[in-house]
């Protein structure tokens, strides 16, 4: 087995471009994923196995939100599991590059798990709002529409961004990567999945969680409108 130190040195030269990535993903999640990828490489794990570890952490957190009455302890546990799942989600791609490149099946599995995670997480918030209305202050049925709206914005953003990257022409081999924008990296923080996970630390706050979650949902809807206009404009300039 290779050493973790050797894997880390190789991973430093196998990183994706930071363009279009928020500060959290760039300076927190990707570095955490790099260490997890190095450890996974030393243990002989495959990228697909790391993807399944990510799924296990994420879906354990999702189930807890729906099944367990809210508390500050639950919030800390849910956030920790979601953050770990997100870090392992970064690790699987880094591990694939370290091993010489991923497979079509591995990329498919990664995207399917991501889509399932997004859909399930907001669905379970809806279930929690329905099961524990006194704790969250969601006695009014209107609050059940908030997770549905947030889910819509998150899933369409995920699919739209993924499809846009597939349809845009690839840069010529050897062309220099565009320099990342610090301003854009800061602006993307409200819709970064890692930042979104932080809201679950407020689960014990009842109404505090409800309003913070709804606020992030409203921001996600605004960003979705901006993203759709941007992506359509970019693809309209592509010659088929």
Protein backbone atom coordinates (compact mmCIF):
# COMPACT_ATOMS: atom_id res chain seq x y z
CA UNK A 1 0.00 0.00 0.00
CA UNK A 2 1.19 3.53 -0.76
CA UNK A 3 1.82 5.91 2.11
CA UNK A 4 -0.57 8.76 2.87
CA UNK A 5 2.28 11.28 2.45
CA UNK A 6 3.11 10.02 -1.04
CA UNK A 7 -0.55 10.15 -2.05
CA UNK A 8 -0.90 13.71 -0.71
CA UNK A 9 2.10 14.88 -2.73
CA UNK A 10 0.67 13.38 -5.90
CA UNK A 11 -2.78 14.83 -5.21
CA UNK A 12 -1.42 18.37 -5.00
CA UNK A 13 -0.78 18.19 -8.72
CA UNK A 14 -4.09 16.52 -9.59
CA UNK A 15 -6.58 19.16 -8.48
CA UNK A 16 -9.47 20.48 -10.52
CA UNK A 17 -9.70 24.14 -11.46
CA UNK A 18 -10.96 26.47 -8.73
CA UNK A 19 -12.99 28.48 -11.25
CA UNK A 20 -16.66 28.73 -10.26
CA UNK A 21 -16.03 27.18 -6.84
CA UNK A 22 -17.05 28.85 -3.58
CA UNK A 23 -14.57 29.64 -0.82
CA UNK A 24 -15.93 26.83 1.35
CA UNK A 25 -15.43 24.16 -1.29
CA UNK A 26 -12.05 25.56 -2.28
CA UNK A 27 -10.49 26.02 1.16
CA UNK A 28 -12.44 23.58 3.36
CA UNK A 29 -14.09 20.73 1.48
CA UNK A 30 -11.50 20.05 -1.20
CA UNK A 31 -8.57 20.02 1.25
CA UNK A 32 -10.54 17.70 3.56
CA UNK A 33 -11.35 15.51 0.59
CA UNK A 34 -7.68 15.44 -0.36
CA UNK A 35 -6.72 13.94 3.01
CA UNK A 36 -9.58 11.45 2.80
CA UNK A 37 -8.56 10.51 -0.75
CA UNK A 38 -4.96 9.97 0.37
CA UNK A 39 -6.09 7.79 3.28
CA UNK A 40 -8.45 5.85 1.02
CA UNK A 41 -5.65 5.31 -1.49
CA UNK A 42 -3.35 4.01 1.24
CA UNK A 43 -6.10 1.60 2.35
CA UNK A 44 -6.61 0.35 -1.20
CA UNK A 45 -10.19 1.63 -1.53
CA UNK A 46 -11.69 2.28 -4.96
CA UNK A 47 -13.45 5.56 -5.93
CA UNK A 48 -16.80 3.76 -6.02
CA UNK A 49 -16.30 2.49 -2.48
CA UNK A 50 -15.53 6.04 -1.34
CA UNK A 51 -18.72 7.23 -3.08
CA UNK A 52 -20.69 4.65 -1.09
CA UNK A 53 -19.05 5.82 2.15
CA UNK A 54 -20.17 9.35 1.26
CA UNK A 55 -23.70 8.06 0.66
CA UNK A 56 -23.74 6.22 3.99
CA UNK A 57 -22.88 9.36 5.96
CA UNK A 58 -25.32 11.53 4.00
CA UNK A 59 -28.31 9.20 4.16
CA UNK A 60 -27.78 8.48 7.85
CA UNK A 61 -28.08 12.23 8.45
CA UNK A 62 -31.12 12.47 6.17
CA UNK A 63 -32.91 9.67 8.04
CA UNK A 64 -32.15 11.26 11.40
CA UNK A 65 -33.75 14.56 10.35
CA UNK A 66 -37.00 12.79 9.47
CA UNK A 67 -37.15 10.27 12.32
CA UNK A 68 -35.69 11.95 15.42
CA UNK A 69 -37.27 14.87 17.31
CA UNK A 70 -35.14 18.01 16.83
CA UNK A 71 -32.52 18.97 19.40
CA UNK A 72 -29.19 20.76 19.54
CA UNK A 73 -27.38 17.41 19.84
CA UNK A 74 -29.21 16.05 16.81
CA UNK A 75 -28.29 19.17 14.85
CA UNK A 76 -24.60 18.74 15.62
CA UNK A 77 -24.70 15.06 14.65
CA UNK A 78 -26.60 15.74 11.41
CA UNK A 79 -24.21 18.52 10.41
CA UNK A 80 -21.15 16.36 11.15
CA UNK A 81 -22.52 13.47 9.07
CA UNK A 82 -23.50 15.74 6.16
CA UNK A 83 -20.11 17.48 6.22
CA UNK A 84 -18.31 14.13 6.27
CA UNK A 85 -20.44 12.90 3.39
CA UNK A 86 -19.62 16.05 1.41
CA UNK A 87 -15.89 15.64 2.07
CA UNK A 88 -15.98 12.00 0.93
CA UNK A 89 -17.91 13.20 -2.14
CA UNK A 90 -14.88 15.34 -2.99
CA UNK A 91 -12.51 12.51 -2.13
CA UNK A 92 -13.90 10.02 -4.64
CA UNK A 93 -13.08 12.22 -7.63
CA UNK A 94 -9.63 13.06 -6.28
CA UNK A 95 -8.96 9.38 -5.65
CA UNK A 96 -10.02 8.57 -9.23
CA UNK A 97 -7.55 11.13 -10.61
CA UNK A 98 -4.83 9.80 -8.32
CA UNK A 99 -5.42 6.28 -9.67
CA UNK A 100 -5.10 7.52 -13.27
CA UNK A 101 -8.63 8.55 -14.15
CA UNK A 102 -12.20 7.56 -13.32
CA UNK A 103 -14.69 5.43 -15.23
CA UNK A 104 -18.01 6.30 -16.84
CA UNK A 105 -19.74 4.04 -14.32
CA UNK A 106 -18.01 5.80 -11.42
CA UNK A 107 -19.05 9.23 -12.67
CA UNK A 108 -22.60 7.96 -13.14
CA UNK A 109 -22.68 6.58 -9.59
CA UNK A 110 -21.34 9.82 -8.16
CA UNK A 111 -23.98 11.95 -9.88
CA UNK A 112 -26.82 9.57 -9.02
CA UNK A 113 -25.85 9.63 -5.33
CA UNK A 114 -25.64 13.45 -5.42
CA UNK A 115 -29.10 13.74 -7.00
CA UNK A 116 -30.59 11.25 -4.53
CA UNK A 117 -28.98 13.07 -1.59
CA UNK A 118 -30.39 16.46 -2.63
CA UNK A 119 -33.87 15.08 -3.21
CA UNK A 120 -33.94 13.05 0.01
CA UNK A 121 -32.59 15.82 2.24
CA UNK A 122 -35.29 18.34 1.41
CA UNK A 123 -37.95 15.62 1.43
CA UNK A 124 -36.93 14.69 4.97
CA UNK A 125 -37.08 18.31 6.11
CA UNK A 126 -40.66 18.31 4.83
CA UNK A 127 -41.34 15.10 6.79
CA UNK A 128 -39.79 16.66 9.91
CA UNK A 129 -41.94 19.79 9.55
CA UNK A 130 -45.01 17.52 9.30
CA UNK A 131 -44.09 15.14 12.15
CA UNK A 132 -42.85 17.73 14.66
CA UNK A 133 -44.90 20.90 13.96
CA UNK A 134 -44.80 22.12 17.57
CA UNK A 135 -41.01 21.90 17.70
CA UNK A 136 -40.48 23.72 14.41
CA UNK A 137 -43.48 26.05 14.55
CA UNK A 138 -44.83 24.63 11.29
CA UNK A 139 -48.44 24.08 12.31
CA UNK A 140 -49.53 26.05 9.25
CA UNK A 141 -49.63 23.76 6.18
CA UNK A 142 -48.02 26.53 4.14
CA UNK A 143 -44.66 25.75 5.72
CA UNK A 144 -44.70 22.35 4.01
CA UNK A 145 -44.34 24.15 0.68
CA UNK A 146 -40.95 25.60 1.70
CA UNK A 147 -38.98 22.32 1.45
CA UNK A 148 -40.73 21.55 -1.83
CA UNK A 149 -39.68 24.91 -3.27
CA UNK A 150 -36.13 24.53 -1.94
CA UNK A 151 -35.95 21.03 -3.41
CA UNK A 152 -37.11 22.32 -6.80
CA UNK A 153 -34.45 25.05 -6.85
CA UNK A 154 -31.67 22.68 -5.69
CA UNK A 155 -32.46 19.87 -8.13
CA UNK A 156 -32.91 22.14 -11.18
CA UNK A 157 -29.68 23.98 -10.33
CA UNK A 158 -27.82 20.68 -9.99
CA UNK A 159 -29.17 19.25 -13.24
CA UNK A 160 -28.87 22.54 -15.16
CA UNK A 161 -25.26 23.04 -14.13
CA UNK A 162 -24.34 19.45 -14.94
CA UNK A 163 -26.00 19.57 -18.36
CA UNK A 164 -24.43 22.94 -19.18
CA UNK A 165 -20.95 21.56 -18.52
CA UNK A 166 -21.70 18.60 -20.81
CA UNK A 167 -22.96 20.81 -23.66
CA UNK A 168 -20.30 23.52 -23.52
CA UNK A 169 -17.28 22.97 -25.77
CA UNK A 170 -14.23 21.64 -23.95
CA UNK A 171 -11.14 23.88 -23.86
CA UNK A 172 -8.34 22.94 -26.21
CA UNK A 173 -5.79 20.54 -24.69
CA UNK A 174 -2.95 22.40 -23.03
CA UNK A 175 -4.84 25.69 -22.76
CA UNK A 176 -4.27 27.48 -19.43
CA UNK A 177 -7.05 27.28 -16.85
CA UNK A 178 -8.96 30.48 -16.19
CA UNK A 179 -7.97 32.24 -12.97
CA UNK A 180 -10.59 31.84 -10.20
CA UNK A 181 -12.46 34.95 -9.12
CA UNK A 182 -12.40 35.70 -5.39
CA UNK A 183 -15.52 37.85 -5.71
CA UNK A 184 -17.40 35.01 -7.40
CA UNK A 185 -16.12 32.53 -4.81
CA UNK A 186 -17.57 34.72 -2.04
CA UNK A 187 -20.84 35.33 -3.92
CA UNK A 188 -21.39 31.57 -4.32
CA UNK A 189 -21.16 30.86 -0.59
CA UNK A 190 -24.96 31.07 0.04
CA UNK A 191 -25.59 28.24 -2.44
CA UNK A 192 -22.62 26.06 -1.53
CA UNK A 193 -23.77 22.68 -0.22
CA UNK A 194 -21.24 22.81 2.62
CA UNK A 195 -22.61 26.16 3.80
CA UNK A 196 -26.15 24.82 3.50
CA UNK A 197 -25.24 21.91 5.80
CA UNK A 198 -24.42 24.43 8.55
CA UNK A 199 -28.11 25.33 8.88
CA UNK A 200 -28.75 21.94 10.51
CA UNK A 201 -26.73 23.06 13.52
CA UNK A 202 -29.85 25.12 14.31
CA UNK A 203 -32.19 22.11 14.53
CA UNK A 204 -32.55 22.60 18.27
CA UNK A 205 -33.67 26.17 17.75
CA UNK A 206 -37.05 25.23 16.26
CA UNK A 207 -38.24 28.45 14.66
CA UNK A 208 -34.64 29.60 14.20
CA UNK A 209 -33.98 26.59 11.96
CA UNK A 210 -37.27 27.11 10.12
CA UNK A 211 -36.48 30.71 9.20
CA UNK A 212 -32.82 30.06 8.38
CA UNK A 213 -33.81 27.17 6.13
CA UNK A 214 -36.52 29.25 4.43
CA UNK A 215 -34.05 32.11 3.92
CA UNK A 216 -31.54 29.84 2.22
CA UNK A 217 -34.35 28.44 0.10
CA UNK A 218 -35.27 31.95 -1.09
CA UNK A 219 -31.62 32.65 -1.93
CA UNK A 220 -31.43 29.34 -3.83
CA UNK A 221 -34.46 30.37 -5.92
CA UNK A 222 -32.87 33.74 -6.78
CA UNK A 223 -29.59 32.08 -7.75
CA UNK A 224 -31.47 29.54 -9.86
CA UNK A 225 -33.01 32.34 -11.94
CA UNK A 226 -29.60 33.96 -12.39
CA UNK A 227 -27.92 30.66 -13.27
CA UNK A 228 -30.57 29.72 -15.83
CA UNK A 229 -30.21 33.08 -17.60
CA UNK A 230 -26.40 32.76 -17.59
CA UNK A 231 -26.34 29.17 -18.82
CA UNK A 232 -28.87 29.83 -21.58
CA UNK A 233 -26.87 32.83 -22.76
CA UNK A 234 -23.63 30.84 -22.81
CA UNK A 235 -25.15 27.89 -24.68
CA UNK A 236 -26.88 30.19 -27.17
CA UNK A 237 -23.41 31.27 -28.32
CA UNK A 238 -22.28 27.67 -28.92
CA UNK A 239 -22.30 26.57 -32.57
CA UNK A 240 -23.49 23.00 -33.09
